[in-house]
Amino acid sequence: MRRGLMVGLWVAATSLTACGPERLEKTEADLAAAVAAALTRGDTATVRFYTEVPFAFDHFYLAAPGTSGETINAALQNVDWTPEMSRGIETATDFHLIVFETSGTLIPARLPKSVADVAPELTGRLWGPTDGVFSVRRSASGGTMLMALPAPPVSAPSGL
């Protein structure tokens, strides 16, 4: 089984060289489906980007609407960044941009606010694959929000 998983990851990673519209649509659809599924789980609602996108990645950048391409490029420090990868985030009001990087290849994906808004403290930084785990909650206005997971409770010292 482990061999099958490794082969699957290799196939996903090698297929990134053909990162066309189909790959982006699948990534965006997978993220939307993951958010919807998380909402049905209630209190345990989390989204783990590393299990939801159809490829392995080294890290990703989460950009808020209005973020400049230069800001994203500076954070990624990748020479392959092109202005088209911003997918209109500079003037957007209706989506967040997630730029995944895997072995130097950049894969930008939109996360429409109609699927989930993102808490401001989560944007504007790089996330590692295992750090990209977010709580999914309904906001006071009834929309869906990706939020930071609550910190684990601090336990009292024992042995006193």
Protein backbone atom coordinates (compact mmCIF):
# COMPACT_ATOMS: atom_id res chain seq x y z
CA MET A 1 0.00 0.00 0.00
CA ARG A 2 2.81 2.41 0.84
CA ARG A 3 4.37 1.73 -2.57
CA GLY A 4 1.06 2.60 -4.24
CA LEU A 5 0.90 5.87 -2.30
CA MET A 6 4.46 6.77 -3.30
CA VAL A 7 3.73 5.97 -6.96
CA GLY A 8 0.59 8.12 -6.76
CA LEU A 9 2.55 11.03 -5.30
CA TRP A 10 5.22 10.65 -7.99
CA VAL A 11 2.59 10.66 -10.75
CA ALA A 12 0.96 13.76 -9.24
CA ALA A 13 4.28 15.56 -8.93
CA THR A 14 5.44 14.72 -12.45
CA SER A 15 2.13 15.73 -13.98
CA LEU A 16 2.57 19.28 -12.66
CA THR A 17 4.72 20.14 -15.63
CA ALA A 18 1.45 20.28 -17.57
CA CYS A 19 -0.29 22.59 -15.11
CA GLY A 20 -3.06 23.73 -17.40
CA PRO A 21 -6.60 24.91 -16.73
CA GLU A 22 -7.78 21.38 -15.93
CA ARG A 23 -5.29 21.11 -13.04
CA LEU A 24 -6.36 24.48 -11.67
CA GLU A 25 -10.06 23.64 -11.95
CA LYS A 26 -9.51 20.32 -10.15
CA THR A 27 -7.51 22.01 -7.39
CA GLU A 28 -10.17 24.70 -6.93
CA ALA A 29 -12.99 22.13 -7.02
CA ASP A 30 -11.17 19.90 -4.52
CA LEU A 31 -10.74 22.79 -2.08
CA ALA A 32 -14.42 23.80 -2.42
CA ALA A 33 -15.53 20.21 -1.82
CA ALA A 34 -13.25 19.94 1.23
CA VAL A 35 -14.72 23.10 2.77
CA ALA A 36 -18.28 21.86 2.15
CA ALA A 37 -17.47 18.47 3.68
CA ALA A 38 -15.84 20.10 6.70
CA LEU A 39 -19.01 22.08 7.41
CA THR A 40 -20.99 18.86 7.69
CA ARG A 41 -18.63 17.59 10.40
CA GLY A 42 -19.53 20.38 12.83
CA ASP A 43 -17.13 20.79 15.76
CA THR A 44 -14.38 18.76 14.12
CA ALA A 45 -14.49 20.84 10.93
CA THR A 46 -10.97 21.19 9.59
CA VAL A 47 -9.44 21.45 6.14
CA ARG A 48 -5.96 20.09 5.55
CA PHE A 49 -4.66 21.50 2.28
CA TYR A 50 -2.03 18.77 1.94
CA THR A 51 -4.72 16.08 1.72
CA GLU A 52 -7.18 18.08 -0.38
CA VAL A 53 -5.21 19.18 -3.43
CA PRO A 54 -4.32 16.67 -6.17
CA PHE A 55 -0.54 17.03 -5.77
CA ALA A 56 2.20 17.22 -3.16
CA PHE A 57 3.61 20.69 -2.46
CA ASP A 58 6.52 22.25 -0.59
CA HIS A 59 4.61 25.29 0.68
CA PHE A 60 1.90 27.73 -0.29
CA TYR A 61 1.16 31.44 -0.02
CA LEU A 62 -2.32 32.62 0.94
CA ALA A 63 -3.13 36.05 -0.54
CA ALA A 64 -6.02 38.29 0.42
CA PRO A 65 -7.99 40.22 -2.20
CA GLY A 66 -6.04 43.30 -3.27
CA THR A 67 -2.59 41.74 -2.71
CA SER A 68 -0.13 42.87 -5.37
CA GLY A 69 1.67 40.39 -7.56
CA GLU A 70 4.96 41.91 -6.42
CA THR A 71 4.11 41.10 -2.80
CA ILE A 72 3.34 37.48 -3.67
CA ASN A 73 6.47 37.18 -5.80
CA ALA A 74 8.64 38.62 -3.01
CA ALA A 75 7.21 36.13 -0.52
CA LEU A 76 7.66 33.15 -2.84
CA GLN A 77 11.10 34.23 -4.10
CA ASN A 78 10.52 32.23 -7.25
CA VAL A 79 11.93 33.33 -10.61
CA ASP A 80 9.10 31.54 -12.45
CA TRP A 81 6.44 33.97 -11.15
CA THR A 82 4.53 35.68 -13.96
CA PRO A 83 1.90 38.42 -13.56
CA GLU A 84 -0.77 36.07 -15.00
CA MET A 85 -0.38 33.83 -11.97
CA SER A 86 -1.98 36.50 -9.78
CA ARG A 87 -5.27 35.65 -11.58
CA GLY A 88 -6.56 39.17 -10.94
CA ILE A 89 -6.06 39.21 -7.14
CA GLU A 90 -4.81 42.82 -7.27
CA THR A 91 -8.28 44.13 -8.08
CA ALA A 92 -10.33 41.26 -6.67
CA THR A 93 -12.90 41.53 -3.92
CA ASP A 94 -14.48 38.10 -4.30
CA PHE A 95 -11.68 35.55 -3.88
CA HIS A 96 -8.42 34.68 -2.13
CA LEU A 97 -5.46 33.36 -4.07
CA ILE A 98 -3.49 30.33 -2.97
CA VAL A 99 -0.16 29.83 -4.73
CA PHE A 100 1.26 26.36 -4.19
CA GLU A 101 4.92 25.67 -4.90
CA THR A 102 6.24 22.22 -5.57
CA SER A 103 9.81 21.65 -6.70
CA GLY A 104 9.93 25.18 -8.07
CA THR A 105 6.66 24.91 -10.01
CA LEU A 106 3.98 27.45 -9.05
CA ILE A 107 0.30 26.51 -9.08
CA PRO A 108 -2.12 29.38 -8.38
CA ALA A 109 -5.69 28.55 -7.33
CA ARG A 110 -8.64 30.76 -6.47
CA LEU A 111 -10.68 30.25 -3.32
CA PRO A 112 -13.91 32.20 -3.91
CA LYS A 113 -15.35 33.99 -0.88
CA SER A 114 -18.64 32.28 -1.77
CA VAL A 115 -16.89 29.00 -0.81
CA ALA A 116 -15.04 30.38 2.21
CA ASP A 117 -13.67 33.68 3.38
CA VAL A 118 -10.27 33.58 5.06
CA ALA A 119 -9.49 35.16 8.42
CA PRO A 120 -7.11 38.10 7.84
CA GLU A 121 -4.44 36.74 10.18
CA LEU A 122 -4.00 33.72 7.88
CA THR A 123 -3.12 35.72 4.77
CA GLY A 124 0.15 37.25 3.63
CA ARG A 125 2.51 34.46 4.59
CA LEU A 126 3.98 31.16 3.51
CA TRP A 127 2.57 27.94 4.94
CA GLY A 128 4.25 24.55 5.01
CA PRO A 129 2.28 21.48 3.96
CA THR A 130 1.57 20.28 7.49
CA ASP A 131 0.91 23.83 8.76
CA GLY A 132 -1.95 24.35 6.29
CA VAL A 133 -4.66 23.01 8.57
CA PHE A 134 -7.57 25.35 9.17
CA SER A 135 -10.79 25.38 11.12
CA VAL A 136 -13.96 25.80 9.04
CA ARG A 137 -16.77 27.68 10.76
CA ARG A 138 -19.90 29.64 9.98
CA SER A 139 -19.40 33.35 10.62
CA ALA A 140 -21.90 35.54 12.45
CA SER A 141 -23.21 36.67 9.06
CA GLY A 142 -23.80 33.05 8.01
CA GLY A 143 -20.87 32.79 5.58
CA THR A 144 -18.16 30.17 5.78
CA MET A 145 -14.76 31.13 7.25
CA LEU A 146 -11.36 29.48 7.29
CA MET A 147 -9.81 30.28 10.65
CA ALA A 148 -6.73 29.32 12.61
CA LEU A 149 -7.14 26.23 14.70
CA PRO A 150 -7.48 27.01 18.38
CA ALA A 151 -4.32 26.55 20.38
CA PRO A 152 -4.30 23.44 22.52
CA PRO A 153 -5.20 24.11 26.15
CA VAL A 154 -2.30 24.66 28.50
CA SER A 155 -2.24 21.95 31.11
CA ALA A 156 -1.46 22.67 34.73
CA PRO A 157 1.93 21.54 35.99
CA SER A 158 1.73 18.16 37.66
CA GLY A 159 3.53 16.77 40.66
CA LEU A 160 2.99 19.70 43.00
